[in-house]
Amino acid sequence: MPRLIDTSGTELVNEWVKLEKDSDLVTALACTADKLLVPLELWQNHEEDLRKSGKEIGVWLDSDQQAAAIAADLERLKLVALNFPGFTDGRSYSTANNLRRHYHYTGEIRAIGDVLRDQLFYMRRCGFSTFDLKDTVKLEEARTALGDFKDSYQSTIEQPAPLFRRRLQP
């Protein structure tokens, strides 16, 4: 059973039910959960019906889907989840960064899928706020991973100024 943690390493209760990529509107409306995390295609095809359902709706994007697809809806979405289908597929890092920098999204961005210990520090730097850990990741190791490095050279969502600019400041 995957576990959900935030950027401080605190374990959270996952109130969202994630629907699979091939889910349809009937499945979504039949779900008894109050908070549904739906795939982009379902959202795009049935947005009005999903809104009328009375459920809180979040959208998840696969790694080949762009933030622009939900840009107009971001003010109404409390959760956007980004899928990592495999360890070597890092496209969702860019999507998280785009959501924060270009679309100014302030809601929760959740990493889902193949979320491993070694990725957590970098995911947080790109703007992820929660992480749905794989079963194989130990909670204590995940907490340690979030603090693997104390500083970085590059600018990030967390620290917009690069190291050389921070060193020049009095």
Foldseek 3Di string as FASTA:
>chain_A
DWWKAFLQLDTDDDQEDEDDQPDEPVVVLPDPGQEYEYELVRCVVQVPVNVVSNHQYEYEYELVDAPVSCLVPLVRHQEYEYEDQDPPRDSVLVRLLCCCPVSVRDHAYEYDHADEQQCSCSSVQSHHTMYGYDPVHDSVSNSVSSPVDDFAQAAGSVRRDGPVVVVPDD
